[in-house]
Amino acid sequence: MLKLERIVKDYDAGDIHVRALGGIDLHVTRGDYLAIMGPSGSGKSTLMHIMGCLDRPTSGSYLLNGRDVSRMNDAALARIRNREIGFVFQQFNLLPRETLQANVEVPLMYAGLGARQRHRMSADALRRMGILDRAHHRPSEVSGGQRQRAAIARALVNSPSLVLADEPTGNLDSRTGREILDILDSLNSEGVTVIVVTHDSEVGRRARRIINLKDGLIDSVEAAADEHH
């Protein structure tokens, strides 16, 4: 499903040349559950941005569902992001002035769906996350856990084949964090490919494989030891 080969990403910060990724080879099959771990500055977020079509590699190829997205223009990348990938971020990235339901509908608006279909699909996604009763509240009026559930509802509303979660429990207390991880587990058990970027070993243990990055390279790959798979 995802095939990254010799992925290099360079940045120029003023006069300083930074190599964020130094040649990553990674294959992810459909339905996989992957944790990407490593210290700060190891390249986790850069790799996530390339996998999520938010950024392009400097060199190397990235095939997503058989298509080479590393060569696509911005408009094509935006279409891929909207149809195939759901994003969950540590900061939730919800629009503060909009209701939770309106937030969940954003990808559907980009996809050009009509209002009635958007309302139905967003309500289904909120119901699935257990927060349909909060549909007309703004993010500031609900708890952090409910905000993250709304963010996951938004990520899932287009039925993506891939969910990318960047430190999804980073702003949550431990109990709420476990609830969010349980949701990701259940999505994966339904066949959704889940990739989580984290520095939290408890989060990493939920995955089937842990990819450890160091200095922009894959340092090791380990099978997660958790029993629940």
C-alpha atoms as a PDB file:
ATOM      1  CA  MET A   1       0.000   0.000   0.000  1.00  0.00           C
ATOM      2  CA  LEU A   2       2.836   2.401   0.910  1.00  0.00           C
ATOM      3  CA  LYS A   3       6.206   1.899  -0.696  1.00  0.00           C
ATOM      4  CA  LEU A   4       8.939   4.375   0.188  1.00  0.00           C
ATOM      5  CA  GLU A   5      12.292   3.857  -1.502  1.00  0.00           C
ATOM      6  CA  ARG A   6      15.493   5.833  -0.834  1.00  0.00           C
ATOM      7  CA  ILE A   7      13.504   8.787   0.537  1.00  0.00           C
ATOM      8  CA  VAL A   8      15.758  11.778   1.183  1.00  0.00           C
ATOM      9  CA  LYS A   9      14.532  15.139   2.516  1.00  0.00           C
ATOM     10  CA  ASP A  10      16.817  18.155   2.711  1.00  0.00           C
ATOM     11  CA  TYR A  11      16.047  21.581   4.121  1.00  0.00           C
ATOM     12  CA  ASP A  12      17.957  24.808   3.825  1.00  0.00           C
ATOM     13  CA  ALA A  13      17.706  26.897   6.966  1.00  0.00           C
ATOM     14  CA  GLY A  14      19.526  30.063   5.978  1.00  0.00           C
ATOM     15  CA  ASP A  15      23.133  29.010   5.321  1.00  0.00           C
ATOM     16  CA  ILE A  16      22.672  25.684   7.068  1.00  0.00           C
ATOM     17  CA  HIS A  17      21.881  22.575   5.056  1.00  0.00           C
ATOM     18  CA  VAL A  18      19.841  20.050   7.037  1.00  0.00           C
ATOM     19  CA  ARG A  19      19.288  16.460   5.928  1.00  0.00           C
ATOM     20  CA  ALA A  20      16.122  15.451   7.781  1.00  0.00           C
ATOM     21  CA  LEU A  21      15.818  12.036   6.118  1.00  0.00           C
ATOM     22  CA  GLY A  22      18.861  10.232   4.783  1.00  0.00           C
ATOM     23  CA  GLY A  23      17.427   7.494   2.577  1.00  0.00           C
ATOM     24  CA  ILE A  24      14.397   5.702   4.017  1.00  0.00           C
ATOM     25  CA  ASP A  25      13.155   2.371   2.654  1.00  0.00           C
ATOM     26  CA  LEU A  26       9.796   1.332   4.090  1.00  0.00           C
ATOM     27  CA  HIS A  27       6.966  -0.884   2.868  1.00  0.00           C
ATOM     28  CA  VAL A  28       3.576  -0.863   4.583  1.00  0.00           C
ATOM     29  CA  THR A  29       0.893  -3.382   3.631  1.00  0.00           C
ATOM     30  CA  ARG A  30      -2.839  -2.697   3.726  1.00  0.00           C
ATOM     31  CA  GLY A  31      -4.242  -3.148   7.227  1.00  0.00           C
ATOM     32  CA  ASP A  32      -0.863  -2.749   8.919  1.00  0.00           C
ATOM     33  CA  TYR A  33      -0.439  -0.920  12.246  1.00  0.00           C
ATOM     34  CA  LEU A  34       2.862   0.893  12.489  1.00  0.00           C
ATOM     35  CA  ALA A  35       4.454   3.068  15.166  1.00  0.00           C
ATOM     36  CA  ILE A  36       7.244   5.431  14.155  1.00  0.00           C
ATOM     37  CA  MET A  37       9.393   6.245  17.164  1.00  0.00           C
ATOM     38  CA  GLY A  38      12.624   8.065  17.856  1.00  0.00           C
ATOM     39  CA  PRO A  39      14.063  11.027  19.728  1.00  0.00           C
ATOM     40  CA  SER A  40      13.198  14.615  18.884  1.00  0.00           C
ATOM     41  CA  GLY A  41      14.882  15.603  15.622  1.00  0.00           C
ATOM     42  CA  SER A  42      15.141  12.027  14.349  1.00  0.00           C
ATOM     43  CA  GLY A  43      12.928  12.738  11.328  1.00  0.00           C
ATOM     44  CA  LYS A  44       9.590  11.343  12.584  1.00  0.00           C
ATOM     45  CA  SER A  45       7.477  14.356  11.652  1.00  0.00           C
ATOM     46  CA  THR A  46       9.236  14.817   8.302  1.00  0.00           C
ATOM     47  CA  LEU A  47       8.529  11.189   7.417  1.00  0.00           C
ATOM     48  CA  MET A  48       4.916  11.591   8.528  1.00  0.00           C
ATOM     49  CA  HIS A  49       4.504  14.684   6.343  1.00  0.00           C
ATOM     50  CA  ILE A  50       5.842  12.846   3.302  1.00  0.00           C
ATOM     51  CA  MET A  51       3.643   9.789   3.962  1.00  0.00           C
ATOM     52  CA  GLY A  52       0.653  12.105   4.342  1.00  0.00           C
ATOM     53  CA  CYS A  53       1.404  13.958   1.076  1.00  0.00           C
ATOM     54  CA  LEU A  54       1.858  17.186   3.054  1.00  0.00           C
ATOM     55  CA  ASP A  55       5.427  17.444   1.774  1.00  0.00           C
ATOM     56  CA  ARG A  56       7.509  16.016  -1.070  1.00  0.00           C
ATOM     57  CA  PRO A  57      10.815  14.184  -0.738  1.00  0.00           C
ATOM     58  CA  THR A  58      13.950  15.797  -2.161  1.00  0.00           C
ATOM     59  CA  SER A  59      14.707  12.482  -3.854  1.00  0.00           C
ATOM     60  CA  GLY A  60      13.471   8.904  -3.810  1.00  0.00           C
ATOM     61  CA  SER A  61      10.055   7.510  -4.707  1.00  0.00           C
ATOM     62  CA  TYR A  62       6.846   7.153  -2.712  1.00  0.00           C
ATOM     63  CA  LEU A  63       4.099   4.930  -4.076  1.00  0.00           C
ATOM     64  CA  LEU A  64       0.706   5.153  -2.360  1.00  0.00           C
ATOM     65  CA  ASN A  65      -1.758   2.519  -3.572  1.00  0.00           C
ATOM     66  CA  GLY A  66       0.423   2.035  -6.646  1.00  0.00           C
ATOM     67  CA  ARG A  67       0.690   5.718  -7.625  1.00  0.00           C
ATOM     68  CA  ASP A  68       3.905   7.694  -7.429  1.00  0.00           C
ATOM     69  CA  VAL A  69       2.839  10.638  -5.264  1.00  0.00           C
ATOM     70  CA  SER A  70       6.397  11.974  -4.963  1.00  0.00           C
ATOM     71  CA  ARG A  71       6.014  13.366  -8.517  1.00  0.00           C
ATOM     72  CA  MET A  72       2.500  14.837  -8.200  1.00  0.00           C
ATOM     73  CA  ASN A  73       1.630  18.527  -8.235  1.00  0.00           C
ATOM     74  CA  ASP A  74      -0.054  20.318  -5.328  1.00  0.00           C
ATOM     75  CA  ALA A  75      -3.595  19.901  -6.642  1.00  0.00           C
ATOM     76  CA  ALA A  76      -3.167  16.161  -7.150  1.00  0.00           C
ATOM     77  CA  LEU A  77      -1.612  15.795  -3.692  1.00  0.00           C
ATOM     78  CA  ALA A  78      -4.547  17.682  -2.148  1.00  0.00           C
ATOM     79  CA  ARG A  79      -6.988  15.274  -3.814  1.00  0.00           C
ATOM     80  CA  ILE A  80      -5.065  12.250  -2.516  1.00  0.00           C
ATOM     81  CA  ARG A  81      -4.989  13.714   1.008  1.00  0.00           C
ATOM     82  CA  ASN A  82      -8.693  14.369   0.925  1.00  0.00           C
ATOM     83  CA  ARG A  83      -9.780  10.964  -0.391  1.00  0.00           C
ATOM     84  CA  GLU A  84      -7.287   8.479   0.939  1.00  0.00           C
ATOM     85  CA  ILE A  85      -5.722   9.806   4.136  1.00  0.00           C
ATOM     86  CA  GLY A  86      -7.165  10.754   7.520  1.00  0.00           C
ATOM     87  CA  PHE A  87      -5.027  12.899   9.828  1.00  0.00           C
ATOM     88  CA  VAL A  88      -5.105  13.048  13.625  1.00  0.00           C
ATOM     89  CA  PHE A  89      -2.858  15.621  15.301  1.00  0.00           C
ATOM     90  CA  GLN A  90      -1.746  16.236  18.869  1.00  0.00           C
ATOM     91  CA  GLN A  91      -3.184  19.783  18.739  1.00  0.00           C
ATOM     92  CA  PHE A  92      -6.508  18.489  17.318  1.00  0.00           C
ATOM     93  CA  ASN A  93      -6.360  21.241  14.621  1.00  0.00           C
ATOM     94  CA  LEU A  94     -10.077  21.974  14.945  1.00  0.00           C
ATOM     95  CA  LEU A  95     -11.511  25.299  13.751  1.00  0.00           C
ATOM     96  CA  PRO A  96     -12.304  27.110  17.023  1.00  0.00           C
ATOM     97  CA  ARG A  97     -15.335  29.086  15.822  1.00  0.00           C
ATOM     98  CA  GLU A  98     -17.056  26.111  14.192  1.00  0.00           C
ATOM     99  CA  THR A  99     -19.118  23.379  15.843  1.00  0.00           C
ATOM    100  CA  LEU A 100     -17.710  19.869  16.082  1.00  0.00           C
ATOM    101  CA  GLN A 101     -20.078  18.785  13.324  1.00  0.00           C
ATOM    102  CA  ALA A 102     -18.931  21.602  11.026  1.00  0.00           C
ATOM    103  CA  ASN A 103     -15.314  20.607  11.726  1.00  0.00           C
ATOM    104  CA  VAL A 104     -16.009  17.003  10.781  1.00  0.00           C
ATOM    105  CA  GLU A 105     -17.636  18.196   7.535  1.00  0.00           C
ATOM    106  CA  VAL A 106     -14.550  20.083   6.300  1.00  0.00           C
ATOM    107  CA  PRO A 107     -13.115  17.156   4.242  1.00  0.00           C
ATOM    108  CA  LEU A 108     -16.573  16.525   2.786  1.00  0.00           C
ATOM    109  CA  MET A 109     -16.823  20.160   1.658  1.00  0.00           C
ATOM    110  CA  TYR A 110     -13.462  19.829  -0.093  1.00  0.00           C
ATOM    111  CA  ALA A 111     -14.784  16.661  -1.722  1.00  0.00           C
ATOM    112  CA  GLY A 112     -17.731  18.672  -3.083  1.00  0.00           C
ATOM    113  CA  LEU A 113     -20.566  16.833  -1.310  1.00  0.00           C
ATOM    114  CA  GLY A 114     -23.954  18.497  -0.785  1.00  0.00           C
ATOM    115  CA  ALA A 115     -25.163  19.708   2.603  1.00  0.00           C
ATOM    116  CA  ARG A 116     -27.581  16.859   3.270  1.00  0.00           C
ATOM    117  CA  GLN A 117     -24.992  14.179   2.552  1.00  0.00           C
ATOM    118  CA  ARG A 118     -22.389  16.054   4.636  1.00  0.00           C
ATOM    119  CA  HIS A 119     -24.747  16.246   7.632  1.00  0.00           C
ATOM    120  CA  ARG A 120     -25.568  12.561   7.427  1.00  0.00           C
ATOM    121  CA  MET A 121     -21.952  11.415   7.088  1.00  0.00           C
ATOM    122  CA  SER A 122     -20.642  13.754   9.793  1.00  0.00           C
ATOM    123  CA  ALA A 123     -23.405  12.671  12.187  1.00  0.00           C
ATOM    124  CA  ASP A 124     -22.509   9.016  11.529  1.00  0.00           C
ATOM    125  CA  ALA A 125     -18.835   9.712  12.277  1.00  0.00           C
ATOM    126  CA  LEU A 126     -19.652  11.615  15.495  1.00  0.00           C
ATOM    127  CA  ARG A 127     -22.013   8.844  16.576  1.00  0.00           C
ATOM    128  CA  ARG A 128     -19.298   6.291  15.993  1.00  0.00           C
ATOM    129  CA  MET A 129     -16.983   8.305  18.254  1.00  0.00           C
ATOM    130  CA  GLY A 130     -19.667   8.547  20.940  1.00  0.00           C
ATOM    131  CA  ILE A 131     -20.002  12.339  20.813  1.00  0.00           C
ATOM    132  CA  LEU A 132     -23.058  12.958  18.619  1.00  0.00           C
ATOM    133  CA  ASP A 133     -24.615  14.756  21.626  1.00  0.00           C
ATOM    134  CA  ARG A 134     -21.779  17.312  21.363  1.00  0.00           C
ATOM    135  CA  ALA A 135     -22.259  17.922  17.619  1.00  0.00           C
ATOM    136  CA  HIS A 136     -23.345  21.559  18.044  1.00  0.00           C
ATOM    137  CA  HIS A 137     -20.715  22.507  20.636  1.00  0.00           C
ATOM    138  CA  ARG A 138     -17.551  24.389  19.725  1.00  0.00           C
ATOM    139  CA  PRO A 139     -14.140  22.874  20.585  1.00  0.00           C
ATOM    140  CA  SER A 140     -13.728  25.223  23.576  1.00  0.00           C
ATOM    141  CA  GLU A 141     -16.959  23.833  25.066  1.00  0.00           C
ATOM    142  CA  VAL A 142     -15.861  20.189  25.215  1.00  0.00           C
ATOM    143  CA  SER A 143     -13.060  18.222  26.879  1.00  0.00           C
ATOM    144  CA  GLY A 144      -9.699  17.386  25.307  1.00  0.00           C
ATOM    145  CA  GLY A 145     -10.771  13.799  24.822  1.00  0.00           C
ATOM    146  CA  GLN A 146     -13.961  14.894  23.054  1.00  0.00           C
ATOM    147  CA  ARG A 147     -11.908  17.226  20.856  1.00  0.00           C
ATOM    148  CA  GLN A 148      -9.642  14.353  19.862  1.00  0.00           C
ATOM    149  CA  ARG A 149     -12.681  12.156  19.166  1.00  0.00           C
ATOM    150  CA  ALA A 150     -14.015  14.912  16.916  1.00  0.00           C
ATOM    151  CA  ALA A 151     -10.620  15.061  15.176  1.00  0.00           C
ATOM    152  CA  ILE A 152     -10.750  11.289  14.628  1.00  0.00           C
ATOM    153  CA  ALA A 153     -14.330  11.587  13.336  1.00  0.00           C
ATOM    154  CA  ARG A 154     -13.071  14.184  10.850  1.00  0.00           C
ATOM    155  CA  ALA A 155     -10.192  11.882   9.863  1.00  0.00           C
ATOM    156  CA  LEU A 156     -12.592   8.994   9.233  1.00  0.00           C
ATOM    157  CA  VAL A 157     -15.526  10.763   7.619  1.00  0.00           C
ATOM    158  CA  ASN A 158     -14.250  10.111   4.069  1.00  0.00           C
ATOM    159  CA  SER A 159     -13.518   6.428   4.847  1.00  0.00           C
ATOM    160  CA  PRO A 160      -9.776   6.775   4.163  1.00  0.00           C
ATOM    161  CA  SER A 161      -7.608   3.721   3.589  1.00  0.00           C
ATOM    162  CA  LEU A 162      -4.837   5.234   5.744  1.00  0.00           C
ATOM    163  CA  VAL A 163      -4.971   7.050   9.098  1.00  0.00           C
ATOM    164  CA  LEU A 164      -1.883   8.998  10.181  1.00  0.00           C
ATOM    165  CA  ALA A 165      -1.795  10.009  13.845  1.00  0.00           C
ATOM    166  CA  ASP A 166       0.909  12.404  15.095  1.00  0.00           C
ATOM    167  CA  GLU A 167       1.296  12.118  18.900  1.00  0.00           C
ATOM    168  CA  PRO A 168      -2.496  11.560  19.159  1.00  0.00           C
ATOM    169  CA  THR A 169      -2.443  11.257  22.968  1.00  0.00           C
ATOM    170  CA  GLY A 170       0.135  13.982  23.602  1.00  0.00           C
ATOM    171  CA  ASN A 171      -2.332  16.520  25.050  1.00  0.00           C
ATOM    172  CA  LEU A 172      -4.536  14.035  26.920  1.00  0.00           C
ATOM    173  CA  ASP A 173      -4.528  12.515  30.392  1.00  0.00           C
ATOM    174  CA  SER A 174      -3.566   8.844  30.529  1.00  0.00           C
ATOM    175  CA  ARG A 175      -7.095   7.427  30.805  1.00  0.00           C
ATOM    176  CA  THR A 176      -8.415   9.514  27.895  1.00  0.00           C
ATOM    177  CA  GLY A 177      -5.273   8.672  25.941  1.00  0.00           C
ATOM    178  CA  ARG A 178      -5.964   4.961  26.363  1.00  0.00           C
ATOM    179  CA  GLU A 179      -9.529   5.476  25.090  1.00  0.00           C
ATOM    180  CA  ILE A 180      -8.176   7.179  21.968  1.00  0.00           C
ATOM    181  CA  LEU A 181      -5.689   4.336  21.427  1.00  0.00           C
ATOM    182  CA  ASP A 182      -8.540   1.832  21.811  1.00  0.00           C
ATOM    183  CA  ILE A 183     -10.345   3.667  18.991  1.00  0.00           C
ATOM    184  CA  LEU A 184      -7.252   3.402  16.748  1.00  0.00           C
ATOM    185  CA  ASP A 185      -6.990  -0.308  17.638  1.00  0.00           C
ATOM    186  CA  SER A 186     -10.588  -0.924  16.630  1.00  0.00           C
ATOM    187  CA  LEU A 187     -10.140   0.986  13.356  1.00  0.00           C
ATOM    188  CA  ASN A 188      -7.155  -1.182  12.561  1.00  0.00           C
ATOM    189  CA  SER A 189      -9.124  -4.336  13.374  1.00  0.00           C
ATOM    190  CA  GLU A 190     -11.652  -3.168  10.735  1.00  0.00           C
ATOM    191  CA  GLY A 191      -8.899  -3.076   8.117  1.00  0.00           C
ATOM    192  CA  VAL A 192      -7.814   0.584   8.232  1.00  0.00           C
ATOM    193  CA  THR A 193      -4.053   1.038   7.926  1.00  0.00           C
ATOM    194  CA  VAL A 194      -2.868   3.035  10.967  1.00  0.00           C
ATOM    195  CA  ILE A 195       0.497   4.777  11.316  1.00  0.00           C
ATOM    196  CA  VAL A 196       1.232   6.532  14.609  1.00  0.00           C
ATOM    197  CA  VAL A 197       4.160   8.866  15.222  1.00  0.00           C
ATOM    198  CA  THR A 198       4.996   8.893  18.917  1.00  0.00           C
ATOM    199  CA  HIS A 199       7.738   9.072  21.505  1.00  0.00           C
ATOM    200  CA  ASP A 200       5.524   7.260  24.040  1.00  0.00           C
ATOM    201  CA  SER A 201       6.411   3.574  24.383  1.00  0.00           C
ATOM    202  CA  GLU A 202       2.896   2.718  25.605  1.00  0.00           C
ATOM    203  CA  VAL A 203       1.496   4.080  22.350  1.00  0.00           C
ATOM    204  CA  GLY A 204       4.165   2.238  20.365  1.00  0.00           C
ATOM    205  CA  ARG A 205       3.328  -1.090  21.970  1.00  0.00           C
ATOM    206  CA  ARG A 206      -0.163  -0.942  20.475  1.00  0.00           C
ATOM    207  CA  ALA A 207       1.254  -1.264  16.973  1.00  0.00           C
ATOM    208  CA  ARG A 208       2.257  -4.430  15.134  1.00  0.00           C
ATOM    209  CA  ARG A 209       5.619  -3.006  14.113  1.00  0.00           C
ATOM    210  CA  ILE A 210       7.777  -0.279  15.613  1.00  0.00           C
ATOM    211  CA  ILE A 211      10.074   1.638  13.268  1.00  0.00           C
ATOM    212  CA  ASN A 212      12.816   3.350  15.274  1.00  0.00           C
ATOM    213  CA  LEU A 213      14.344   6.394  13.583  1.00  0.00           C
ATOM    214  CA  LYS A 214      17.670   7.940  14.450  1.00  0.00           C
ATOM    215  CA  ASP A 215      19.342  10.840  12.631  1.00  0.00           C
ATOM    216  CA  GLY A 216      16.991  10.573   9.657  1.00  0.00           C
ATOM    217  CA  LEU A 217      17.539   6.842   9.126  1.00  0.00           C
ATOM    218  CA  ILE A 218      15.738   3.679  10.204  1.00  0.00           C
ATOM    219  CA  ASP A 219      17.752   2.461  13.171  1.00  0.00           C
ATOM    220  CA  SER A 220      15.729  -0.709  13.792  1.00  0.00           C
ATOM    221  CA  VAL A 221      12.422  -2.407  13.102  1.00  0.00           C
ATOM    222  CA  GLU A 222      10.826  -4.490  15.823  1.00  0.00           C
ATOM    223  CA  ALA A 223       7.639  -6.458  16.168  1.00  0.00           C
ATOM    224  CA  ALA A 224       5.581  -4.924  18.970  1.00  0.00           C
ATOM    225  CA  ALA A 225       5.217  -7.271  21.920  1.00  0.00           C
ATOM    226  CA  ASP A 226       1.670  -6.356  22.881  1.00  0.00           C
ATOM    227  CA  GLU A 227      -0.670  -9.342  23.193  1.00  0.00           C
ATOM    228  CA  HIS A 228      -3.832  -7.750  21.891  1.00  0.00           C
ATOM    229  CA  HIS A 229      -2.995  -8.352  18.210  1.00  0.00           C
END
